[in-house]
């Protein structure tokens, strides 16, 4: 029975890995597709971000251009909205949608959105889990000590918890973003639909990450049970 479940976990891991690659490809494909659709007003991602932040009374967040592709993020530690070059200066649907999404996080922070605060608090737990879990598991396998493998599973559960909190945070940020884009008329209705498709594809990657981490945790628990 153990080997049956082991095979199942390995198959699920492989399937989720492939699905993750596909999802990542879909995000990039949709971003490129709607990056070819210019905004009617000539509004760039940076301009959209400034409009959204100002409309929500947020004046302490700096909008910066950073290196990388789709490396956009909101950093609540130093109150910076970091936009990749394609988004910062891009006057297209994708740029506005992505910039608005990051503004969604800034709005969450300004309003002390509980799940965002929880995710921020979980970052050290996630970091410890990502580093410590594999060390404990490796040592547990080498020395055939199920206690260490169980410890590794417990540490890894911190990553699962982080992913579990991250998913609704990202979904809520996209919801806020689309509402602001619509309220401020940053995109007409037909282009807004394109923005929704970009953000939906990005959101799916967080869902896949959550499912993958749950499968990995179950596999570790199964391994620890087998070693007893």
C-alpha atoms as a PDB file:
ATOM      1  CA  UNK A   1       0.000   0.000   0.000  1.00  0.00           C
ATOM      2  CA  UNK A   2       2.872   2.376   0.836  1.00  0.00           C
ATOM      3  CA  UNK A   3       4.459   1.939  -2.569  1.00  0.00           C
ATOM      4  CA  UNK A   4       1.065   2.515  -4.205  1.00  0.00           C
ATOM      5  CA  UNK A   5       0.696   5.889  -2.488  1.00  0.00           C
ATOM      6  CA  UNK A   6       4.341   6.729  -3.194  1.00  0.00           C
ATOM      7  CA  UNK A   7       3.723   6.187  -6.891  1.00  0.00           C
ATOM      8  CA  UNK A   8       0.588   8.331  -6.705  1.00  0.00           C
ATOM      9  CA  UNK A   9       2.474  11.186  -5.032  1.00  0.00           C
ATOM     10  CA  UNK A  10       5.280  11.051  -7.590  1.00  0.00           C
ATOM     11  CA  UNK A  11       2.785  11.055 -10.452  1.00  0.00           C
ATOM     12  CA  UNK A  12       0.877  13.986  -8.927  1.00  0.00           C
ATOM     13  CA  UNK A  13       4.140  15.885  -8.389  1.00  0.00           C
ATOM     14  CA  UNK A  14       5.134  15.345 -12.012  1.00  0.00           C
ATOM     15  CA  UNK A  15       1.694  16.344 -13.283  1.00  0.00           C
ATOM     16  CA  UNK A  16       1.645  19.487 -11.159  1.00  0.00           C
ATOM     17  CA  UNK A  17       5.152  20.388 -12.314  1.00  0.00           C
ATOM     18  CA  UNK A  18       4.044  20.152 -15.939  1.00  0.00           C
ATOM     19  CA  UNK A  19       0.848  22.101 -15.193  1.00  0.00           C
ATOM     20  CA  UNK A  20       2.933  24.755 -13.446  1.00  0.00           C
ATOM     21  CA  UNK A  21       5.127  25.154 -16.512  1.00  0.00           C
ATOM     22  CA  UNK A  22       2.041  25.412 -18.714  1.00  0.00           C
ATOM     23  CA  UNK A  23       0.448  27.990 -16.405  1.00  0.00           C
ATOM     24  CA  UNK A  24       3.636  30.053 -16.391  1.00  0.00           C
ATOM     25  CA  UNK A  25       3.662  29.903 -20.175  1.00  0.00           C
ATOM     26  CA  UNK A  26       0.025  31.004 -20.327  1.00  0.00           C
ATOM     27  CA  UNK A  27       0.773  34.020 -18.098  1.00  0.00           C
ATOM     28  CA  UNK A  28       3.650  35.107 -20.328  1.00  0.00           C
ATOM     29  CA  UNK A  29       1.600  34.452 -23.473  1.00  0.00           C
ATOM     30  CA  UNK A  30      -1.360  36.509 -22.256  1.00  0.00           C
ATOM     31  CA  UNK A  31       0.906  39.285 -21.051  1.00  0.00           C
ATOM     32  CA  UNK A  32       2.550  39.466 -24.486  1.00  0.00           C
ATOM     33  CA  UNK A  33      -0.818  39.303 -26.243  1.00  0.00           C
ATOM     34  CA  UNK A  34      -2.361  42.211 -24.372  1.00  0.00           C
ATOM     35  CA  UNK A  35       0.921  44.113 -24.317  1.00  0.00           C
ATOM     36  CA  UNK A  36       0.320  44.526 -28.043  1.00  0.00           C
ATOM     37  CA  UNK A  37      -2.993  46.254 -27.315  1.00  0.00           C
ATOM     38  CA  UNK A  38      -2.221  49.930 -26.597  1.00  0.00           C
ATOM     39  CA  UNK A  39      -4.290  51.913 -24.143  1.00  0.00           C
ATOM     40  CA  UNK A  40      -6.542  54.400 -25.919  1.00  0.00           C
ATOM     41  CA  UNK A  41      -5.364  57.230 -23.664  1.00  0.00           C
ATOM     42  CA  UNK A  42      -1.670  56.387 -23.913  1.00  0.00           C
ATOM     43  CA  UNK A  43      -1.614  55.659 -20.188  1.00  0.00           C
ATOM     44  CA  UNK A  44       1.394  53.659 -18.988  1.00  0.00           C
ATOM     45  CA  UNK A  45       1.585  51.273 -16.062  1.00  0.00           C
ATOM     46  CA  UNK A  46       3.351  53.886 -13.945  1.00  0.00           C
ATOM     47  CA  UNK A  47       0.716  56.490 -14.758  1.00  0.00           C
ATOM     48  CA  UNK A  48      -2.083  54.052 -13.893  1.00  0.00           C
ATOM     49  CA  UNK A  49      -0.392  53.203 -10.601  1.00  0.00           C
ATOM     50  CA  UNK A  50      -0.072  56.877  -9.710  1.00  0.00           C
ATOM     51  CA  UNK A  51      -3.747  57.490 -10.488  1.00  0.00           C
ATOM     52  CA  UNK A  52      -4.916  54.540  -8.409  1.00  0.00           C
ATOM     53  CA  UNK A  53      -2.735  55.360  -5.411  1.00  0.00           C
ATOM     54  CA  UNK A  54      -3.734  59.031  -5.453  1.00  0.00           C
ATOM     55  CA  UNK A  55      -7.434  58.154  -5.782  1.00  0.00           C
ATOM     56  CA  UNK A  56      -7.126  56.034  -2.645  1.00  0.00           C
ATOM     57  CA  UNK A  57      -5.302  58.703  -0.658  1.00  0.00           C
ATOM     58  CA  UNK A  58      -2.004  56.786  -0.651  1.00  0.00           C
ATOM     59  CA  UNK A  59       0.831  59.308  -0.842  1.00  0.00           C
ATOM     60  CA  UNK A  60       3.669  57.494   0.930  1.00  0.00           C
ATOM     61  CA  UNK A  61       4.319  54.828  -1.726  1.00  0.00           C
ATOM     62  CA  UNK A  62       7.143  55.398  -4.226  1.00  0.00           C
ATOM     63  CA  UNK A  63       6.719  53.978  -7.740  1.00  0.00           C
ATOM     64  CA  UNK A  64      10.012  52.625  -9.055  1.00  0.00           C
ATOM     65  CA  UNK A  65      11.235  50.867 -12.178  1.00  0.00           C
ATOM     66  CA  UNK A  66      13.146  47.631 -11.545  1.00  0.00           C
ATOM     67  CA  UNK A  67      14.971  45.109 -13.673  1.00  0.00           C
ATOM     68  CA  UNK A  68      13.510  41.826 -14.846  1.00  0.00           C
ATOM     69  CA  UNK A  69      10.449  40.574 -16.658  1.00  0.00           C
ATOM     70  CA  UNK A  70       7.199  40.258 -14.689  1.00  0.00           C
ATOM     71  CA  UNK A  71       9.243  41.058 -11.579  1.00  0.00           C
ATOM     72  CA  UNK A  72       6.580  43.490 -10.396  1.00  0.00           C
ATOM     73  CA  UNK A  73       5.831  43.639  -6.692  1.00  0.00           C
ATOM     74  CA  UNK A  74       4.693  45.809  -3.823  1.00  0.00           C
ATOM     75  CA  UNK A  75       7.098  45.919  -0.898  1.00  0.00           C
ATOM     76  CA  UNK A  76       5.263  46.784   2.342  1.00  0.00           C
ATOM     77  CA  UNK A  77       8.556  47.051   4.223  1.00  0.00           C
ATOM     78  CA  UNK A  78       9.750  50.192   2.452  1.00  0.00           C
ATOM     79  CA  UNK A  79       6.446  51.243   0.820  1.00  0.00           C
ATOM     80  CA  UNK A  80       7.625  50.877  -2.765  1.00  0.00           C
ATOM     81  CA  UNK A  81       5.708  49.806  -5.845  1.00  0.00           C
ATOM     82  CA  UNK A  82       8.305  48.107  -8.027  1.00  0.00           C
ATOM     83  CA  UNK A  83       7.387  47.788 -11.696  1.00  0.00           C
ATOM     84  CA  UNK A  84       9.396  46.030 -14.393  1.00  0.00           C
ATOM     85  CA  UNK A  85      10.387  48.143 -17.413  1.00  0.00           C
ATOM     86  CA  UNK A  86       7.685  46.578 -19.605  1.00  0.00           C
ATOM     87  CA  UNK A  87       5.029  47.536 -17.071  1.00  0.00           C
ATOM     88  CA  UNK A  88       6.436  50.871 -15.872  1.00  0.00           C
ATOM     89  CA  UNK A  89       6.684  52.416 -19.309  1.00  0.00           C
ATOM     90  CA  UNK A  90       4.270  50.179 -21.196  1.00  0.00           C
ATOM     91  CA  UNK A  91       1.192  51.993 -22.526  1.00  0.00           C
ATOM     92  CA  UNK A  92      -0.872  48.853 -23.001  1.00  0.00           C
ATOM     93  CA  UNK A  93      -3.550  46.701 -21.382  1.00  0.00           C
ATOM     94  CA  UNK A  94      -1.123  44.250 -19.742  1.00  0.00           C
ATOM     95  CA  UNK A  95       0.958  47.021 -18.175  1.00  0.00           C
ATOM     96  CA  UNK A  96      -2.072  48.758 -16.684  1.00  0.00           C
ATOM     97  CA  UNK A  97      -3.512  45.475 -15.356  1.00  0.00           C
ATOM     98  CA  UNK A  98      -0.278  44.374 -13.682  1.00  0.00           C
ATOM     99  CA  UNK A  99       0.432  47.821 -12.232  1.00  0.00           C
ATOM    100  CA  UNK A 100      -3.128  47.975 -10.898  1.00  0.00           C
ATOM    101  CA  UNK A 101      -2.693  44.555  -9.272  1.00  0.00           C
ATOM    102  CA  UNK A 102       0.356  45.755  -7.353  1.00  0.00           C
ATOM    103  CA  UNK A 103      -1.614  48.841  -6.339  1.00  0.00           C
ATOM    104  CA  UNK A 104      -4.184  46.399  -4.990  1.00  0.00           C
ATOM    105  CA  UNK A 105      -1.541  45.220  -2.528  1.00  0.00           C
ATOM    106  CA  UNK A 106      -0.708  48.803  -1.581  1.00  0.00           C
ATOM    107  CA  UNK A 107      -4.388  49.424  -0.855  1.00  0.00           C
ATOM    108  CA  UNK A 108      -4.515  46.241   1.216  1.00  0.00           C
ATOM    109  CA  UNK A 109      -1.539  47.484   3.222  1.00  0.00           C
ATOM    110  CA  UNK A 110      -3.028  50.941   3.719  1.00  0.00           C
ATOM    111  CA  UNK A 111      -6.249  49.360   4.986  1.00  0.00           C
ATOM    112  CA  UNK A 112      -4.402  46.781   7.120  1.00  0.00           C
ATOM    113  CA  UNK A 113      -6.033  43.899   5.248  1.00  0.00           C
ATOM    114  CA  UNK A 114      -5.757  41.031   7.789  1.00  0.00           C
ATOM    115  CA  UNK A 115      -4.587  38.325   5.384  1.00  0.00           C
ATOM    116  CA  UNK A 116      -1.831  40.562   3.995  1.00  0.00           C
ATOM    117  CA  UNK A 117      -0.669  41.280   7.536  1.00  0.00           C
ATOM    118  CA  UNK A 118      -0.732  37.549   8.272  1.00  0.00           C
ATOM    119  CA  UNK A 119       1.254  36.755   5.119  1.00  0.00           C
ATOM    120  CA  UNK A 120       3.868  39.315   6.088  1.00  0.00           C
ATOM    121  CA  UNK A 121       4.149  37.714   9.538  1.00  0.00           C
ATOM    122  CA  UNK A 122       4.489  34.258   7.963  1.00  0.00           C
ATOM    123  CA  UNK A 123       7.480  35.158   5.778  1.00  0.00           C
ATOM    124  CA  UNK A 124      10.055  34.145   8.465  1.00  0.00           C
ATOM    125  CA  UNK A 125       8.129  30.898   9.046  1.00  0.00           C
ATOM    126  CA  UNK A 126       8.187  30.180   5.321  1.00  0.00           C
ATOM    127  CA  UNK A 127      11.908  30.934   5.084  1.00  0.00           C
ATOM    128  CA  UNK A 128      12.715  28.629   7.994  1.00  0.00           C
ATOM    129  CA  UNK A 129      10.500  25.916   6.516  1.00  0.00           C
ATOM    130  CA  UNK A 130      12.061  26.127   3.067  1.00  0.00           C
ATOM    131  CA  UNK A 131      15.590  25.826   4.466  1.00  0.00           C
ATOM    132  CA  UNK A 132      15.089  23.553   7.455  1.00  0.00           C
ATOM    133  CA  UNK A 133      12.581  21.041   6.127  1.00  0.00           C
ATOM    134  CA  UNK A 134      14.829  19.503   3.472  1.00  0.00           C
ATOM    135  CA  UNK A 135      17.811  19.315   5.832  1.00  0.00           C
ATOM    136  CA  UNK A 136      15.732  17.506   8.454  1.00  0.00           C
ATOM    137  CA  UNK A 137      14.233  15.155   5.867  1.00  0.00           C
ATOM    138  CA  UNK A 138      17.624  14.325   4.328  1.00  0.00           C
ATOM    139  CA  UNK A 139      19.142  13.583   7.728  1.00  0.00           C
ATOM    140  CA  UNK A 140      16.077  11.539   8.655  1.00  0.00           C
ATOM    141  CA  UNK A 141      16.466   9.386   5.552  1.00  0.00           C
ATOM    142  CA  UNK A 142      20.237   8.977   6.019  1.00  0.00           C
ATOM    143  CA  UNK A 143      19.913   7.925   9.668  1.00  0.00           C
ATOM    144  CA  UNK A 144      16.518   6.192   9.217  1.00  0.00           C
ATOM    145  CA  UNK A 145      15.013   8.408  11.914  1.00  0.00           C
ATOM    146  CA  UNK A 146      11.328   9.011  11.321  1.00  0.00           C
ATOM    147  CA  UNK A 147      11.306  11.786  13.941  1.00  0.00           C
ATOM    148  CA  UNK A 148      13.496  13.977  11.761  1.00  0.00           C
ATOM    149  CA  UNK A 149      11.331  13.318   8.721  1.00  0.00           C
ATOM    150  CA  UNK A 150       8.269  14.251  10.757  1.00  0.00           C
ATOM    151  CA  UNK A 151      10.066  17.430  11.870  1.00  0.00           C
ATOM    152  CA  UNK A 152      10.795  18.159   8.223  1.00  0.00           C
ATOM    153  CA  UNK A 153       7.109  17.736   7.404  1.00  0.00           C
ATOM    154  CA  UNK A 154       6.137  20.090  10.239  1.00  0.00           C
ATOM    155  CA  UNK A 155       8.603  22.709   8.983  1.00  0.00           C
ATOM    156  CA  UNK A 156       7.341  22.260   5.430  1.00  0.00           C
ATOM    157  CA  UNK A 157       3.790  22.874   6.627  1.00  0.00           C
ATOM    158  CA  UNK A 158       4.881  26.494   7.130  1.00  0.00           C
ATOM    159  CA  UNK A 159       5.298  26.764   3.355  1.00  0.00           C
ATOM    160  CA  UNK A 160       1.834  25.270   2.849  1.00  0.00           C
ATOM    161  CA  UNK A 161       0.342  27.758   5.290  1.00  0.00           C
ATOM    162  CA  UNK A 162       2.105  30.645   3.534  1.00  0.00           C
ATOM    163  CA  UNK A 163       0.757  29.507   0.153  1.00  0.00           C
ATOM    164  CA  UNK A 164      -2.697  29.024   1.656  1.00  0.00           C
ATOM    165  CA  UNK A 165      -2.737  32.647   2.836  1.00  0.00           C
ATOM    166  CA  UNK A 166      -1.099  33.990  -0.329  1.00  0.00           C
ATOM    167  CA  UNK A 167      -3.810  32.729  -2.681  1.00  0.00           C
ATOM    168  CA  UNK A 168      -6.725  34.807  -1.264  1.00  0.00           C
ATOM    169  CA  UNK A 169      -4.382  37.802  -0.860  1.00  0.00           C
ATOM    170  CA  UNK A 170      -3.532  37.696  -4.567  1.00  0.00           C
ATOM    171  CA  UNK A 171      -7.155  37.120  -5.600  1.00  0.00           C
ATOM    172  CA  UNK A 172      -8.274  40.069  -3.471  1.00  0.00           C
ATOM    173  CA  UNK A 173      -5.531  42.301  -4.932  1.00  0.00           C
ATOM    174  CA  UNK A 174      -6.729  41.486  -8.460  1.00  0.00           C
ATOM    175  CA  UNK A 175     -10.338  42.154  -7.445  1.00  0.00           C
ATOM    176  CA  UNK A 176      -9.378  45.536  -6.033  1.00  0.00           C
ATOM    177  CA  UNK A 177      -7.257  46.293  -9.105  1.00  0.00           C
ATOM    178  CA  UNK A 178     -10.022  45.615 -11.596  1.00  0.00           C
ATOM    179  CA  UNK A 179     -12.510  47.605  -9.512  1.00  0.00           C
ATOM    180  CA  UNK A 180     -10.158  50.609  -9.478  1.00  0.00           C
ATOM    181  CA  UNK A 181      -9.412  50.377 -13.207  1.00  0.00           C
ATOM    182  CA  UNK A 182     -13.148  50.334 -13.876  1.00  0.00           C
ATOM    183  CA  UNK A 183     -13.993  53.086 -11.344  1.00  0.00           C
ATOM    184  CA  UNK A 184     -11.305  55.437 -12.669  1.00  0.00           C
ATOM    185  CA  UNK A 185     -12.014  54.579 -16.312  1.00  0.00           C
ATOM    186  CA  UNK A 186      -8.390  53.652 -16.933  1.00  0.00           C
ATOM    187  CA  UNK A 187      -9.470  51.104 -19.538  1.00  0.00           C
ATOM    188  CA  UNK A 188     -12.672  50.814 -21.584  1.00  0.00           C
ATOM    189  CA  UNK A 189     -14.840  47.742 -20.973  1.00  0.00           C
ATOM    190  CA  UNK A 190     -13.476  45.672 -23.866  1.00  0.00           C
ATOM    191  CA  UNK A 191      -9.873  46.256 -22.785  1.00  0.00           C
ATOM    192  CA  UNK A 192     -10.791  45.636 -19.155  1.00  0.00           C
ATOM    193  CA  UNK A 193     -11.757  42.100 -20.144  1.00  0.00           C
ATOM    194  CA  UNK A 194      -8.238  41.592 -21.482  1.00  0.00           C
ATOM    195  CA  UNK A 195      -6.828  42.812 -18.181  1.00  0.00           C
ATOM    196  CA  UNK A 196      -9.003  40.295 -16.349  1.00  0.00           C
ATOM    197  CA  UNK A 197      -7.578  37.475 -18.457  1.00  0.00           C
ATOM    198  CA  UNK A 198      -4.011  38.505 -17.651  1.00  0.00           C
ATOM    199  CA  UNK A 199      -4.676  38.641 -13.899  1.00  0.00           C
ATOM    200  CA  UNK A 200      -6.711  35.420 -13.889  1.00  0.00           C
ATOM    201  CA  UNK A 201      -3.859  33.519 -15.527  1.00  0.00           C
ATOM    202  CA  UNK A 202      -1.417  34.943 -12.977  1.00  0.00           C
ATOM    203  CA  UNK A 203      -3.753  33.952 -10.138  1.00  0.00           C
ATOM    204  CA  UNK A 204      -3.826  30.346 -11.342  1.00  0.00           C
ATOM    205  CA  UNK A 205      -0.083  30.036 -10.711  1.00  0.00           C
ATOM    206  CA  UNK A 206      -0.690  30.711  -6.998  1.00  0.00           C
ATOM    207  CA  UNK A 207      -3.401  28.059  -6.908  1.00  0.00           C
ATOM    208  CA  UNK A 208      -1.068  25.514  -8.499  1.00  0.00           C
ATOM    209  CA  UNK A 209       1.679  26.404  -6.014  1.00  0.00           C
ATOM    210  CA  UNK A 210      -0.733  25.780  -3.140  1.00  0.00           C
ATOM    211  CA  UNK A 211      -1.869  22.401  -4.484  1.00  0.00           C
ATOM    212  CA  UNK A 212       1.739  21.366  -5.190  1.00  0.00           C
ATOM    213  CA  UNK A 213       2.830  22.221  -1.648  1.00  0.00           C
ATOM    214  CA  UNK A 214      -0.094  20.246  -0.178  1.00  0.00           C
ATOM    215  CA  UNK A 215       0.847  17.195  -2.271  1.00  0.00           C
ATOM    216  CA  UNK A 216       4.459  17.488  -1.122  1.00  0.00           C
ATOM    217  CA  UNK A 217       3.377  17.709   2.516  1.00  0.00           C
ATOM    218  CA  UNK A 218       1.207  14.601   2.178  1.00  0.00           C
ATOM    219  CA  UNK A 219       4.135  12.775   0.574  1.00  0.00           C
ATOM    220  CA  UNK A 220       6.406  13.716   3.471  1.00  0.00           C
ATOM    221  CA  UNK A 221       3.838  12.581   6.034  1.00  0.00           C
ATOM    222  CA  UNK A 222       3.499   9.309   4.172  1.00  0.00           C
ATOM    223  CA  UNK A 223       7.275   8.885   4.150  1.00  0.00           C
ATOM    224  CA  UNK A 224       7.499   9.581   7.895  1.00  0.00           C
ATOM    225  CA  UNK A 225       4.735   7.045   8.556  1.00  0.00           C
ATOM    226  CA  UNK A 226       6.536   4.430   6.492  1.00  0.00           C
ATOM    227  CA  UNK A 227       9.817   4.961   8.376  1.00  0.00           C
ATOM    228  CA  UNK A 228       8.247   4.290  11.762  1.00  0.00           C
END
